[in-house]
Amino acid sequence: MESPKSPLQPPTYGNLITILSIDGGGIRGIIPATILAFLESELQKHDGEEARLADYFDVIAGTSTGGLVTAMLAAPNEQNRPLFAAKDIKDFYLTHCPKIFPQDHRMGEFCLCSNILVIRISCPIIAPATKLVKSFTGPKYDGKYLHSIVKEKLGDVRLHQTLTNIVIPTFDIRKLQPTIFSSYEVKKHPSIDALLSDICIATSAAPTYLPAHYFETHDPEGKVRKFDLIDGGVAANNPTLVAISEVTKTITRGSSDFFPIKPTDYGRFLVISLGTGSAKTEEKYDAHKAAKWGMLGWLNTENSSPLTDVFMQSSSDMVDFHISTVFQALHSEANYLRIQDDTLIGHESSVDIATPTNLESLVRVGERLLKKPIAKVNFETGAFDPSTWGTNERALIRLAEVLSKEKRVREMRSPHGRVANLKY
């Protein structure tokens, strides 16, 4: 059975098309989770404590860890309201990440085998070698806990049942092409109406870290579609442009939800794009080191994977470059907010060092990021330069007011808005 959508009426009754996008980044998803909790709290100041992010965005997009957050915000609970409030996502990360990415803390271990005392030693010298050997035989983590907790939380909810439209990229390793799970496409292509749990497991299957994910779907005629998927970050770690493209395609097809908006009317878009942080300013790699790397060096150097860092960061930045240019050209810079921190250092920039200390450190990164000035990408250096437009916190406060007003405008103009509003 299809779940009723959120109280937000279609863009055709409003002035804007609202998009929320969340990057991939493993445990660093706790950074945008902290930002989202603040935004939702501001919306609640306008519309009451039951207000949820899914009530304000026409589409929520997420890749990898961002895809999981997307599903948590948009999946319905038994009361057909969002499964998670934004403030609860941080606790989800703090509780479950250490089990998804278990850390080996053993410095010494004694066991008795066949009356022989055996001493197993794990030390800073031996541990990297052990990890290196393991990387030849399989992914760093088996993914079993991730699979179980995602299936437990999301249950039997499918793509078409989300409370607002969602877009989650993955990559099909068999077909060597992206597979986009989009609410806008599910009616036209019912074969993508997969379980949200399968979609989340697939988009999080980062090469070398977690195993690829296989599943099947059946369309209404019983035709089987097979999926062989890995992390969507290899195609679109920043899914903002994918979300805009999905909306544009829908407008082009003449959807009544967007009448009379034109496909190229990007001035109508309101986009909030959240990164998961990077270690740009740390400059931990350089050409002299990389020139000596072989396959192993690119996969494992200085407790991280340079190859993974490169494709994730390049994907995210190219999207930001493009969208920033478009919004500047349209004189609509205020309608695009990118919140990203490129000053992470040490373990903070890891996707999987899920120690309590590091997770708490990432929470503080998110809290500090709210207080930092809005940063705009420098097209020459690629770095984020502070702007004079105030802090990220002030920008979110302003956008919460805009989102609340947009929702009320749609309700007043829509013949269904008053009825939908009374239900909630």
Protein backbone atom coordinates (compact mmCIF):
# COMPACT_ATOMS: atom_id res chain seq x y z
CA MET A 1 0.00 0.00 0.00
CA GLU A 2 1.27 3.45 -0.89
CA SER A 3 1.86 5.75 2.06
CA PRO A 4 0.37 9.25 2.04
CA LYS A 5 2.97 11.90 1.28
CA SER A 6 3.96 14.68 3.65
CA PRO A 7 1.78 17.78 4.11
CA LEU A 8 3.92 19.68 1.56
CA GLN A 9 1.82 20.52 -1.50
CA PRO A 10 3.38 20.33 -5.03
CA PRO A 11 5.64 23.14 -6.30
CA THR A 12 2.99 24.20 -8.80
CA TYR A 13 1.21 25.95 -5.90
CA GLY A 14 4.35 27.64 -4.60
CA ASN A 15 7.26 29.84 -5.57
CA LEU A 16 10.18 27.45 -5.10
CA ILE A 17 11.39 23.90 -5.70
CA THR A 18 13.08 22.79 -2.47
CA ILE A 19 16.01 20.35 -2.47
CA LEU A 20 18.04 18.90 0.40
CA SER A 21 21.21 17.00 -0.52
CA ILE A 22 23.60 15.03 1.71
CA ASP A 23 27.05 13.80 0.65
CA GLY A 24 28.63 10.45 1.31
CA GLY A 25 31.44 10.04 3.82
CA GLY A 26 31.03 7.06 6.15
CA ILE A 27 31.07 7.97 9.84
CA ARG A 28 31.45 11.62 8.84
CA GLY A 29 27.70 11.55 8.15
CA ILE A 30 27.43 12.64 11.77
CA ILE A 31 28.48 16.14 10.63
CA PRO A 32 25.45 16.80 8.37
CA ALA A 33 23.28 14.99 10.94
CA THR A 34 24.25 17.69 13.45
CA ILE A 35 23.44 20.42 10.91
CA LEU A 36 20.07 18.84 10.08
CA ALA A 37 19.11 18.66 13.75
CA PHE A 38 19.62 22.42 13.99
CA LEU A 39 17.61 23.14 10.83
CA GLU A 40 14.70 20.98 11.99
CA SER A 41 14.70 22.70 15.39
CA GLU A 42 14.39 26.06 13.62
CA LEU A 43 11.48 24.79 11.53
CA GLN A 44 9.79 23.64 14.71
CA LYS A 45 9.97 27.20 16.06
CA HIS A 46 7.75 28.23 13.16
CA ASP A 47 5.41 25.25 12.85
CA GLY A 48 5.45 23.25 16.08
CA GLU A 49 7.46 20.39 17.54
CA GLU A 50 5.97 17.82 15.16
CA ALA A 51 7.51 19.54 12.13
CA ARG A 52 9.95 17.30 10.23
CA LEU A 53 12.34 17.98 7.36
CA ALA A 54 10.33 15.78 4.99
CA ASP A 55 7.45 18.25 5.38
CA TYR A 56 9.45 21.02 3.66
CA PHE A 57 11.54 19.51 0.88
CA ASP A 58 10.24 18.41 -2.51
CA VAL A 59 13.15 16.01 -2.75
CA ILE A 60 15.83 14.75 -0.36
CA ALA A 61 18.91 13.24 -2.01
CA GLY A 62 21.72 11.30 -0.40
CA THR A 63 24.71 9.18 -1.35
CA SER A 64 26.26 6.43 0.77
CA THR A 65 25.94 7.54 4.42
CA GLY A 66 23.85 10.44 3.08
CA GLY A 67 21.53 7.89 1.46
CA LEU A 68 20.98 6.27 4.84
CA VAL A 69 20.18 9.65 6.39
CA THR A 70 17.79 10.35 3.49
CA ALA A 71 15.92 7.13 4.13
CA MET A 72 15.73 7.78 7.87
CA LEU A 73 14.22 11.22 7.24
CA ALA A 74 11.73 10.09 4.58
CA ALA A 75 10.64 6.56 5.55
CA PRO A 76 7.24 6.40 7.27
CA ASN A 77 6.64 4.99 10.73
CA GLU A 78 3.39 3.33 11.81
CA GLN A 79 1.71 6.74 12.07
CA ASN A 80 2.88 7.67 8.54
CA ARG A 81 5.23 10.27 9.90
CA PRO A 82 9.01 10.28 9.38
CA LEU A 83 10.74 7.33 10.99
CA PHE A 84 13.45 9.54 12.54
CA ALA A 85 13.45 13.09 13.79
CA ALA A 86 16.65 14.80 12.68
CA LYS A 87 17.85 15.13 16.29
CA ASP A 88 17.81 11.32 16.66
CA ILE A 89 20.17 10.62 13.75
CA LYS A 90 23.25 11.72 15.68
CA ASP A 91 22.51 9.18 18.41
CA PHE A 92 22.02 6.50 15.74
CA TYR A 93 25.56 7.16 14.51
CA LEU A 94 27.04 7.23 18.01
CA THR A 95 25.35 3.95 18.93
CA HIS A 96 25.77 1.90 15.77
CA CYS A 97 28.90 3.11 13.95
CA PRO A 98 31.28 1.34 16.40
CA LYS A 99 29.49 -1.91 15.54
CA ILE A 100 29.35 -1.23 11.79
CA PHE A 101 33.08 -0.39 11.76
CA PRO A 102 34.51 -2.37 14.70
CA GLN A 103 37.92 -1.19 15.81
CA ASP A 104 40.67 -3.57 16.93
CA HIS A 105 41.87 -2.29 20.32
CA ARG A 106 43.61 -5.45 21.48
CA MET A 107 47.17 -4.81 22.63
CA GLY A 108 47.60 -8.32 23.91
CA GLU A 109 45.43 -11.40 24.25
CA PHE A 110 45.94 -14.67 26.06
CA CYS A 111 44.16 -17.93 25.23
CA LEU A 112 44.59 -21.59 26.16
CA CYS A 113 44.52 -23.99 23.19
CA SER A 114 45.15 -27.70 23.76
CA ASN A 115 46.89 -26.97 27.07
CA ILE A 116 49.32 -24.61 25.30
CA LEU A 117 49.42 -21.00 26.31
CA VAL A 118 49.28 -18.82 23.23
CA ILE A 119 49.96 -15.10 23.29
CA ARG A 120 48.43 -13.05 20.50
CA ILE A 121 49.83 -9.58 20.22
CA SER A 122 48.34 -6.65 18.39
CA CYS A 123 50.58 -3.61 18.19
CA PRO A 124 50.97 -0.51 16.03
CA ILE A 125 53.59 -2.32 13.88
CA ILE A 126 51.70 -5.57 13.34
CA ALA A 127 48.17 -4.14 12.96
CA PRO A 128 48.75 -2.30 9.63
CA ALA A 129 50.34 -5.43 8.18
CA THR A 130 47.35 -7.51 9.27
CA LYS A 131 44.97 -5.04 7.65
CA LEU A 132 47.05 -5.08 4.50
CA VAL A 133 46.90 -8.87 4.25
CA LYS A 134 43.16 -8.79 4.87
CA SER A 135 42.68 -6.28 2.05
CA PHE A 136 43.83 -8.96 -0.39
CA THR A 137 41.19 -11.43 0.74
CA GLY A 138 38.05 -9.28 1.09
CA PRO A 139 36.55 -6.00 2.25
CA LYS A 140 37.75 -4.44 5.47
CA TYR A 141 34.35 -5.03 7.15
CA ASP A 142 31.85 -7.82 6.51
CA GLY A 143 28.83 -5.50 6.62
CA LYS A 144 26.70 -7.93 8.62
CA TYR A 145 25.82 -5.50 11.39
CA LEU A 146 25.09 -2.70 8.91
CA HIS A 147 22.77 -4.97 6.94
CA SER A 148 20.93 -6.15 10.04
CA ILE A 149 20.38 -2.72 11.61
CA VAL A 150 19.28 -1.13 8.31
CA LYS A 151 16.80 -3.94 7.68
CA GLU A 152 15.56 -3.72 11.26
CA LYS A 153 14.94 0.03 11.08
CA LEU A 154 13.53 0.27 7.53
CA GLY A 155 11.63 -3.02 7.47
CA ASP A 156 9.54 -3.62 4.34
CA VAL A 157 9.29 0.01 3.25
CA ARG A 158 9.83 0.46 -0.48
CA LEU A 159 10.93 3.40 -2.58
CA HIS A 160 7.40 4.46 -3.58
CA GLN A 161 6.31 4.70 0.07
CA THR A 162 8.61 7.52 1.21
CA LEU A 163 6.93 10.59 2.67
CA THR A 164 8.61 12.91 0.19
CA ASN A 165 10.52 12.28 -3.02
CA ILE A 166 14.01 10.87 -2.60
CA VAL A 167 16.97 10.34 -4.92
CA ILE A 168 19.76 7.89 -4.00
CA PRO A 169 22.59 7.09 -6.44
CA THR A 170 24.33 3.71 -6.61
CA PHE A 171 26.66 2.14 -9.17
CA ASP A 172 26.00 -1.17 -10.96
CA ILE A 173 29.31 -3.02 -11.11
CA ARG A 174 27.99 -5.55 -13.66
CA LYS A 175 26.70 -2.93 -16.11
CA LEU A 176 29.39 -0.37 -15.23
CA GLN A 177 26.90 2.46 -15.00
CA PRO A 178 25.11 4.45 -12.29
CA THR A 179 21.73 3.26 -11.06
CA ILE A 180 19.62 6.05 -9.59
CA PHE A 181 16.79 5.16 -7.23
CA SER A 182 14.39 8.06 -7.73
CA SER A 183 10.84 8.58 -6.52
CA TYR A 184 10.24 10.53 -9.73
CA GLU A 185 11.06 7.45 -11.84
CA VAL A 186 9.42 4.70 -9.83
CA LYS A 187 5.99 4.97 -11.50
CA LYS A 188 7.50 4.90 -14.97
CA HIS A 189 10.03 2.19 -14.09
CA PRO A 190 8.51 0.00 -11.33
CA SER A 191 11.52 -2.33 -11.44
CA ILE A 192 13.43 0.19 -9.27
CA ASP A 193 10.80 0.00 -6.52
CA ALA A 194 13.23 -1.77 -4.22
CA LEU A 195 13.24 -2.04 -0.46
CA LEU A 196 14.77 1.05 1.11
CA SER A 197 17.02 -1.26 3.13
CA ASP A 198 18.51 -2.76 -0.05
CA ILE A 199 19.00 0.70 -1.56
CA CYS A 200 20.79 1.95 1.57
CA ILE A 201 23.02 -1.10 1.85
CA ALA A 202 23.93 -0.76 -1.84
CA THR A 203 24.73 2.95 -1.82
CA SER A 204 26.93 2.42 1.27
CA ALA A 205 28.96 -0.46 -0.18
CA ALA A 206 32.24 1.44 -0.51
CA PRO A 207 34.88 -0.56 -2.40
CA THR A 208 37.50 -2.13 -0.10
CA TYR A 209 35.44 -1.18 2.99
CA LEU A 210 32.13 -3.03 2.60
CA PRO A 211 30.93 -5.84 0.29
CA ALA A 212 29.02 -5.16 -2.92
CA HIS A 213 25.29 -5.79 -2.60
CA TYR A 214 23.13 -8.01 -4.83
CA PHE A 215 19.34 -8.08 -4.81
CA GLU A 216 16.40 -8.53 -7.15
CA THR A 217 13.06 -6.83 -7.74
CA HIS A 218 9.91 -7.96 -9.52
CA ASP A 219 7.78 -5.58 -11.57
CA PRO A 220 3.93 -5.88 -11.71
CA GLU A 221 4.25 -8.37 -14.60
CA GLY A 222 6.61 -10.53 -12.56
CA LYS A 223 9.72 -9.66 -14.57
CA VAL A 224 12.90 -9.96 -12.50
CA ARG A 225 15.50 -7.20 -12.43
CA LYS A 226 18.91 -7.95 -10.98
CA PHE A 227 21.09 -5.39 -9.23
CA ASP A 228 24.85 -5.73 -8.58
CA LEU A 229 25.57 -2.52 -6.72
CA ILE A 230 28.33 -0.62 -4.95
CA ASP A 231 28.65 2.78 -3.28
CA GLY A 232 26.98 5.63 -5.13
CA GLY A 233 29.97 7.77 -4.20
CA VAL A 234 31.96 6.40 -7.15
CA ALA A 235 29.45 8.19 -9.42
CA ALA A 236 27.98 11.06 -7.39
CA ASN A 237 29.32 11.50 -3.89
CA ASN A 238 27.59 14.89 -3.88
CA PRO A 239 24.11 14.03 -5.23
CA THR A 240 22.86 17.61 -5.60
CA LEU A 241 23.17 17.69 -9.37
CA VAL A 242 21.51 14.28 -9.67
CA ALA A 243 18.55 15.58 -7.66
CA ILE A 244 18.26 18.70 -9.84
CA SER A 245 18.45 16.52 -12.95
CA GLU A 246 15.64 14.26 -11.69
CA VAL A 247 13.43 17.29 -11.07
CA THR A 248 14.30 18.75 -14.47
CA LYS A 249 13.38 15.50 -16.23
CA THR A 250 10.05 15.44 -14.43
CA ILE A 251 9.30 19.03 -15.45
CA THR A 252 10.25 18.24 -19.06
CA ARG A 253 7.71 15.41 -19.11
CA GLY A 254 4.97 17.89 -18.24
CA SER A 255 4.21 16.80 -14.68
CA SER A 256 1.26 18.69 -13.21
CA ASP A 257 3.23 18.99 -9.95
CA PHE A 258 5.47 21.57 -11.63
CA PHE A 259 3.08 23.51 -13.87
CA PRO A 260 3.92 26.15 -15.18
CA ILE A 261 7.61 25.90 -14.18
CA LYS A 262 10.06 25.60 -17.09
CA PRO A 263 12.87 22.98 -17.13
CA THR A 264 15.57 25.67 -17.19
CA ASP A 265 13.99 27.85 -14.51
CA TYR A 266 16.80 27.23 -12.01
CA GLY A 267 16.04 30.52 -10.30
CA ARG A 268 13.10 28.73 -8.69
CA PHE A 269 15.33 26.16 -7.00
CA LEU A 270 16.19 26.42 -3.30
CA VAL A 271 19.05 24.04 -2.57
CA ILE A 272 20.71 23.10 0.72
CA SER A 273 23.73 20.86 0.12
CA LEU A 274 25.57 19.34 3.08
CA GLY A 275 29.07 17.93 2.87
CA THR A 276 30.68 15.50 5.28
CA GLY A 277 33.99 17.31 5.62
CA SER A 278 37.41 16.85 4.05
CA ALA A 279 41.08 17.17 4.92
CA LYS A 280 42.05 19.62 2.18
CA THR A 281 43.90 22.04 4.41
CA GLU A 282 45.88 19.20 6.00
CA GLU A 283 47.49 18.45 2.60
CA LYS A 284 48.42 14.95 3.73
CA TYR A 285 49.27 13.68 0.23
CA ASP A 286 51.67 15.10 -2.35
CA ALA A 287 53.07 14.18 -5.76
CA HIS A 288 56.43 13.06 -4.35
CA LYS A 289 54.72 10.44 -2.16
CA ALA A 290 52.13 9.45 -4.76
CA ALA A 291 54.80 8.97 -7.44
CA LYS A 292 56.09 6.02 -5.42
CA TRP A 293 52.73 4.38 -4.77
CA GLY A 294 51.69 1.21 -6.46
CA MET A 295 48.30 -0.44 -6.08
CA LEU A 296 48.79 -0.93 -2.34
CA GLY A 297 49.88 2.65 -1.74
CA TRP A 298 46.80 4.05 -3.44
CA LEU A 299 44.59 1.73 -1.39
CA ASN A 300 46.21 2.13 2.01
CA THR A 301 48.50 4.96 3.10
CA GLU A 302 48.66 6.79 6.43
CA ASN A 303 45.61 4.93 7.81
CA SER A 304 43.41 5.99 4.90
CA SER A 305 42.72 5.19 1.25
CA PRO A 306 44.03 7.93 -1.05
CA LEU A 307 42.10 6.50 -4.00
CA THR A 308 38.82 6.65 -2.08
CA ASP A 309 39.58 10.17 -0.84
CA VAL A 310 40.33 11.31 -4.38
CA PHE A 311 37.20 10.03 -6.09
CA MET A 312 34.89 11.09 -3.26
CA GLN A 313 36.29 14.61 -3.00
CA SER A 314 36.61 15.19 -6.74
CA SER A 315 33.01 14.11 -7.29
CA SER A 316 31.73 16.41 -4.54
CA ASP A 317 33.75 19.43 -5.64
CA MET A 318 32.92 19.22 -9.34
CA VAL A 319 29.22 19.32 -8.51
CA ASP A 320 29.73 22.31 -6.21
CA PHE A 321 31.76 24.11 -8.92
CA HIS A 322 28.99 23.60 -11.46
CA ILE A 323 26.05 24.55 -9.28
CA SER A 324 27.80 27.57 -7.78
CA THR A 325 28.51 28.85 -11.28
CA VAL A 326 24.91 28.39 -12.41
CA PHE A 327 23.41 30.12 -9.38
CA GLN A 328 25.87 33.00 -9.66
CA ALA A 329 25.01 33.43 -13.35
CA LEU A 330 21.31 33.56 -12.44
CA HIS A 331 21.95 36.04 -9.60
CA SER A 332 20.36 33.51 -7.25
CA GLU A 333 23.29 32.83 -4.94
CA ALA A 334 21.05 33.17 -1.87
CA ASN A 335 19.10 30.14 -3.10
CA TYR A 336 22.10 27.80 -2.91
CA LEU A 337 23.71 27.00 0.44
CA ARG A 338 26.63 24.59 0.53
CA ILE A 339 27.85 23.76 4.04
CA GLN A 340 31.19 22.00 4.03
CA ASP A 341 34.27 21.90 6.26
CA ASP A 342 37.64 21.35 4.58
CA THR A 343 39.71 21.63 7.77
CA LEU A 344 39.41 18.10 9.15
CA ILE A 345 42.63 16.63 10.52
CA GLY A 346 43.85 13.19 11.53
CA HIS A 347 41.20 10.63 12.32
CA GLU A 348 38.41 13.16 11.72
CA SER A 349 38.86 12.76 7.97
CA SER A 350 38.53 8.97 8.11
CA VAL A 351 35.37 7.25 6.90
CA ASP A 352 35.62 4.37 9.36
CA ILE A 353 37.59 5.16 12.55
CA ALA A 354 34.49 4.79 14.69
CA THR A 355 35.99 5.16 18.14
CA PRO A 356 33.84 7.02 20.71
CA THR A 357 36.49 9.74 20.86
CA ASN A 358 36.49 10.32 17.11
CA LEU A 359 32.70 10.21 16.82
CA GLU A 360 32.35 12.82 19.54
CA SER A 361 35.00 14.87 17.80
CA LEU A 362 32.89 14.80 14.61
CA VAL A 363 29.86 16.01 16.55
CA ARG A 364 31.92 18.99 17.67
CA VAL A 365 33.02 19.58 14.06
CA GLY A 366 29.35 19.87 13.09
CA GLU A 367 28.61 22.20 15.98
CA ARG A 368 31.58 24.43 15.10
CA LEU A 369 30.58 24.42 11.46
CA LEU A 370 27.29 26.07 12.37
CA LYS A 371 29.19 28.97 13.88
CA LYS A 372 31.57 29.37 10.94
CA PRO A 373 31.01 31.93 8.16
CA ILE A 374 29.26 30.76 5.03
CA ALA A 375 32.04 29.59 2.71
CA LYS A 376 32.01 29.80 -1.07
CA VAL A 377 34.17 27.62 -3.28
CA ASN A 378 37.12 29.38 -4.85
CA PHE A 379 37.13 28.32 -8.51
CA GLU A 380 40.89 28.79 -8.79
CA THR A 381 42.11 27.06 -5.64
CA GLY A 382 39.20 24.71 -4.94
CA ALA A 383 39.26 25.81 -1.29
CA PHE A 384 36.32 27.26 0.61
CA ASP A 385 36.75 30.97 1.24
CA PRO A 386 34.73 32.65 4.02
CA SER A 387 32.08 35.03 2.71
CA THR A 388 30.61 38.16 4.26
CA TRP A 389 27.09 36.72 4.30
CA GLY A 390 27.10 35.67 7.96
CA THR A 391 27.39 32.25 9.56
CA ASN A 392 25.96 28.92 8.46
CA GLU A 393 23.71 29.08 11.51
CA ARG A 394 22.25 32.44 10.44
CA ALA A 395 21.76 31.13 6.89
CA LEU A 396 19.82 28.11 8.17
CA ILE A 397 17.68 30.31 10.40
CA ARG A 398 16.82 32.43 7.35
CA LEU A 399 16.13 29.39 5.19
CA ALA A 400 13.92 27.83 7.86
CA GLU A 401 11.75 30.94 7.64
CA VAL A 402 11.71 30.71 3.83
CA LEU A 403 10.79 27.01 3.93
CA SER A 404 8.01 27.57 6.43
CA LYS A 405 6.59 30.43 4.39
CA GLU A 406 6.77 28.38 1.18
CA LYS A 407 4.87 25.54 2.82
CA ARG A 408 2.10 27.91 4.00
CA VAL A 409 1.85 29.58 0.58
CA ARG A 410 1.32 26.20 -1.07
CA GLU A 411 -1.33 25.26 1.48
CA MET A 412 -3.26 28.46 0.83
CA ARG A 413 -3.12 28.07 -2.95
CA SER A 414 -3.78 24.32 -3.12
CA PRO A 415 -7.35 22.98 -3.00
CA HIS A 416 -5.98 20.03 -1.03
CA GLY A 417 -3.70 22.00 1.25
CA ARG A 418 -6.26 22.85 3.93
CA VAL A 419 -7.36 19.20 4.23
CA ALA A 420 -3.77 17.93 4.37
CA ASN A 421 -2.87 20.52 7.00
CA LEU A 422 -5.74 19.48 9.26
CA LYS A 423 -4.48 15.87 9.23
CA TYR A 424 -1.20 16.92 10.76
